[in-house]
Amino acid sequence: MIALEFVSTVRATRSGPVDTLSDVAGMTAWGREHAGELGLDSGFTATEELRREVVELRQAVRALFARAVAPGPASAADAHRLPGFADALDLVNAAALAVPTASRLEWPADAPPVAISVPAGGAGESARVRAALAASAIALLAGAEREQLRACPAPRCVLYFVKEHARQEWCSTGCGNRARAARHYHQHRAR
């Protein structure tokens, strides 16, 4: 789901938090990687204004994710920099409403017909990108997956994930291994 990939543009490495969207080049690369989901062409090039608007939306979505995982802890990456709940909710809703969508029927010669959502008006590129990202976040937060949304509790991890099975505690096997190793270290160090 694009909403999870979007909030995961903030992640942790051994040297600390990394923001994929920290500059125009990063935003351009990420936009091209997700061009189909965002309604962009393969030659997409971000502007600084688009990048700033997308990062502002990402922080709002991360604030809503933090609320969704409560009473559990939010991601430690940026919890102190997130907008308030009401402001985040207003921003996400405004972004989604800025570009109304309509269904378009596509019928490939060798496949059954499918309906896809396309922008109904002549919105600008930034509004279309933000609307697609906001709509994906709304779908996740209003759907059944919200109950399974978690912030990864592994040391130094800052990602959100959707819990796929009852025993899943971390976003990835690597995080689970780090958490178990850290627990083992602390148990043996305390002796």
Protein backbone atom coordinates (compact mmCIF):
# COMPACT_ATOMS: atom_id res chain seq x y z
CA MET A 1 0.00 0.00 0.00
CA ILE A 2 1.42 3.35 -1.06
CA ALA A 3 0.47 4.99 2.27
CA LEU A 4 2.86 2.71 4.18
CA GLU A 5 5.63 3.26 1.64
CA PHE A 6 4.98 7.00 1.88
CA VAL A 7 5.37 7.19 5.67
CA SER A 8 8.39 4.88 5.36
CA THR A 9 10.31 7.56 3.48
CA VAL A 10 11.53 8.34 6.99
CA ARG A 11 13.54 5.35 8.19
CA ALA A 12 16.48 4.56 10.41
CA THR A 13 19.94 3.36 9.53
CA ARG A 14 22.93 2.65 11.74
CA SER A 15 23.94 6.28 11.43
CA GLY A 16 20.50 7.64 12.36
CA PRO A 17 17.23 8.67 10.71
CA VAL A 18 17.19 9.09 6.93
CA ASP A 19 14.61 11.09 4.99
CA THR A 20 14.24 9.93 1.39
CA LEU A 21 12.35 13.14 0.59
CA SER A 22 14.92 15.51 2.10
CA ASP A 23 15.77 17.04 -1.26
CA VAL A 24 14.35 17.45 -4.77
CA ALA A 25 16.47 14.60 -6.17
CA GLY A 26 15.11 12.19 -3.55
CA MET A 27 11.53 13.32 -4.18
CA THR A 28 12.03 12.93 -7.93
CA ALA A 29 13.44 9.40 -7.55
CA TRP A 30 10.67 8.35 -5.17
CA GLY A 31 7.99 9.87 -7.41
CA ARG A 32 9.35 8.03 -10.46
CA GLU A 33 9.50 4.77 -8.50
CA HIS A 34 5.79 5.16 -7.65
CA ALA A 35 4.70 6.92 -10.86
CA GLY A 36 1.86 4.50 -11.63
CA GLU A 37 0.29 4.83 -8.19
CA LEU A 38 0.66 8.60 -8.17
CA GLY A 39 -0.51 9.30 -11.73
CA LEU A 40 2.89 10.60 -12.83
CA ASP A 41 4.73 10.01 -16.06
CA SER A 42 8.15 8.37 -16.08
CA GLY A 43 9.85 11.71 -16.73
CA PHE A 44 8.52 13.28 -13.52
CA THR A 45 10.79 15.88 -11.95
CA ALA A 46 9.90 17.33 -8.56
CA THR A 47 10.09 20.99 -7.68
CA GLU A 48 11.08 22.27 -4.25
CA GLU A 49 7.52 23.47 -3.67
CA LEU A 50 6.05 20.04 -4.50
CA ARG A 51 8.62 18.36 -2.23
CA ARG A 52 7.78 20.69 0.67
CA GLU A 53 4.04 20.09 0.23
CA VAL A 54 4.51 16.32 0.06
CA VAL A 55 6.71 16.31 3.18
CA GLU A 56 4.10 18.39 5.03
CA LEU A 57 1.46 15.83 4.02
CA ARG A 58 3.72 12.96 5.11
CA GLN A 59 4.08 14.49 8.57
CA ALA A 60 0.29 14.81 8.80
CA VAL A 61 -0.18 11.18 7.77
CA ARG A 62 2.45 10.08 10.29
CA ALA A 63 0.52 12.03 12.97
CA LEU A 64 -2.65 10.16 12.06
CA PHE A 65 -0.77 6.85 12.10
CA ALA A 66 0.57 7.75 15.57
CA ARG A 67 -3.01 8.28 16.73
CA ALA A 68 -4.11 5.01 15.11
CA VAL A 69 -1.51 2.93 16.98
CA ALA A 70 -2.35 4.52 20.37
CA PRO A 71 -2.21 3.60 23.18
CA GLY A 72 0.96 1.99 21.82
CA PRO A 73 3.94 4.26 21.22
CA ALA A 74 4.24 6.23 18.00
CA SER A 75 7.31 5.98 15.80
CA ALA A 76 10.25 7.59 17.54
CA ALA A 77 11.51 9.14 14.30
CA ASP A 78 9.61 12.36 14.47
CA ALA A 79 6.92 12.12 17.15
CA HIS A 80 8.13 15.44 18.57
CA ARG A 81 7.78 17.19 15.17
CA LEU A 82 4.31 15.98 14.14
CA PRO A 83 1.40 18.39 13.75
CA GLY A 84 -1.53 18.16 16.14
CA PHE A 85 -4.30 15.68 15.39
CA ALA A 86 -6.90 18.23 14.21
CA ASP A 87 -4.41 20.00 11.91
CA ALA A 88 -3.20 16.67 10.50
CA LEU A 89 -6.76 15.48 9.87
CA ASP A 90 -7.67 18.75 8.12
CA LEU A 91 -4.56 18.65 5.92
CA VAL A 92 -5.07 15.02 4.83
CA ASN A 93 -8.76 15.60 4.07
CA ALA A 94 -8.04 18.82 2.17
CA ALA A 95 -5.36 17.09 0.08
CA ALA A 96 -7.73 14.24 -0.80
CA LEU A 97 -10.58 16.61 -1.68
CA ALA A 98 -8.41 18.89 -3.83
CA VAL A 99 -8.56 16.47 -6.74
CA PRO A 100 -11.90 14.77 -7.30
CA THR A 101 -11.63 11.43 -9.05
CA ALA A 102 -13.80 9.60 -11.51
CA SER A 103 -13.89 6.00 -12.65
CA ARG A 104 -12.52 5.20 -16.08
CA LEU A 105 -13.02 1.85 -17.75
CA GLU A 106 -9.95 0.19 -19.22
CA TRP A 107 -10.39 -2.95 -21.25
CA PRO A 108 -7.18 -4.56 -22.49
CA ALA A 109 -7.50 -6.91 -25.48
CA ASP A 110 -6.32 -9.93 -23.51
CA ALA A 111 -7.85 -9.23 -20.09
CA PRO A 112 -11.17 -8.46 -18.44
CA PRO A 113 -12.25 -4.83 -18.04
CA VAL A 114 -11.18 -2.91 -14.95
CA ALA A 115 -12.26 0.38 -13.46
CA ILE A 116 -9.49 2.75 -12.41
CA SER A 117 -9.72 6.07 -10.65
CA VAL A 118 -8.39 9.08 -12.49
CA PRO A 119 -8.39 12.80 -11.66
CA ALA A 120 -11.69 14.32 -12.75
CA GLY A 121 -10.31 17.79 -13.30
CA GLY A 122 -7.23 19.56 -14.50
CA ALA A 123 -5.40 19.67 -11.17
CA GLY A 124 -1.71 20.45 -11.00
CA GLU A 125 0.94 17.82 -10.43
CA SER A 126 1.47 18.56 -6.73
CA ALA A 127 -2.26 18.41 -5.98
CA ARG A 128 -2.59 15.10 -7.87
CA VAL A 129 0.36 13.52 -6.02
CA ARG A 130 -0.88 14.69 -2.63
CA ALA A 131 -4.46 13.60 -3.40
CA ALA A 132 -3.30 10.08 -4.32
CA LEU A 133 -1.19 9.82 -1.15
CA ALA A 134 -3.95 11.24 1.07
CA ALA A 135 -6.56 8.92 -0.46
CA SER A 136 -4.33 5.91 0.22
CA ALA A 137 -3.82 7.00 3.84
CA ILE A 138 -7.56 7.53 4.27
CA ALA A 139 -8.29 4.08 2.83
CA LEU A 140 -5.86 2.47 5.27
CA LEU A 141 -7.02 4.45 8.30
CA ALA A 142 -10.74 3.98 7.56
CA GLY A 143 -10.38 0.31 6.65
CA ALA A 144 -9.99 -2.92 8.57
CA GLU A 145 -6.18 -2.73 8.32
CA ARG A 146 -6.11 0.19 10.77
CA GLU A 147 -6.64 -2.27 13.65
CA GLN A 148 -3.42 -4.03 12.60
CA LEU A 149 -1.32 -0.87 12.13
CA ARG A 150 1.71 -0.82 14.42
CA ALA A 151 4.85 1.20 15.04
CA CYS A 152 7.83 -1.15 14.99
CA PRO A 153 9.23 -1.46 18.55
CA ALA A 154 12.69 -2.64 17.47
CA PRO A 155 15.66 -0.55 18.60
CA ARG A 156 16.23 2.44 16.29
CA CYS A 157 13.38 1.45 13.92
CA VAL A 158 10.98 4.23 12.99
CA LEU A 159 8.66 2.40 10.59
CA TYR A 160 4.96 1.68 10.70
CA PHE A 161 3.66 -1.65 9.43
CA VAL A 162 0.44 -3.63 9.10
CA LYS A 163 0.56 -6.74 11.27
CA GLU A 164 -0.03 -9.67 8.93
CA HIS A 165 -0.24 -12.53 11.45
CA ALA A 166 -0.89 -12.91 15.16
CA ARG A 167 2.73 -13.46 16.17
CA GLN A 168 4.23 -10.62 14.13
CA GLU A 169 5.82 -8.04 16.42
CA TRP A 170 8.22 -6.19 14.10
CA CYS A 171 8.16 -4.65 10.65
CA SER A 172 10.79 -7.08 9.32
CA THR A 173 12.88 -10.11 10.19
CA GLY A 174 15.92 -7.83 10.55
CA CYS A 175 14.15 -5.74 13.19
CA GLY A 176 13.07 -8.87 15.04
CA ASN A 177 16.66 -10.13 15.05
CA ARG A 178 17.95 -6.78 16.35
CA ALA A 179 15.31 -6.69 19.08
CA ARG A 180 16.09 -10.24 20.23
CA ALA A 181 19.85 -9.55 20.16
CA ALA A 182 19.38 -6.36 22.20
CA ARG A 183 17.19 -8.19 24.72
CA HIS A 184 19.77 -11.00 25.01
CA TYR A 185 22.58 -8.47 25.48
CA HIS A 186 20.71 -6.62 28.24
CA GLN A 187 19.76 -9.84 30.03
CA HIS A 188 23.32 -11.12 30.11
CA ARG A 189 24.85 -7.76 30.88
CA ALA A 190 22.64 -7.38 33.96
CA ARG A 191 24.08 -10.53 35.55
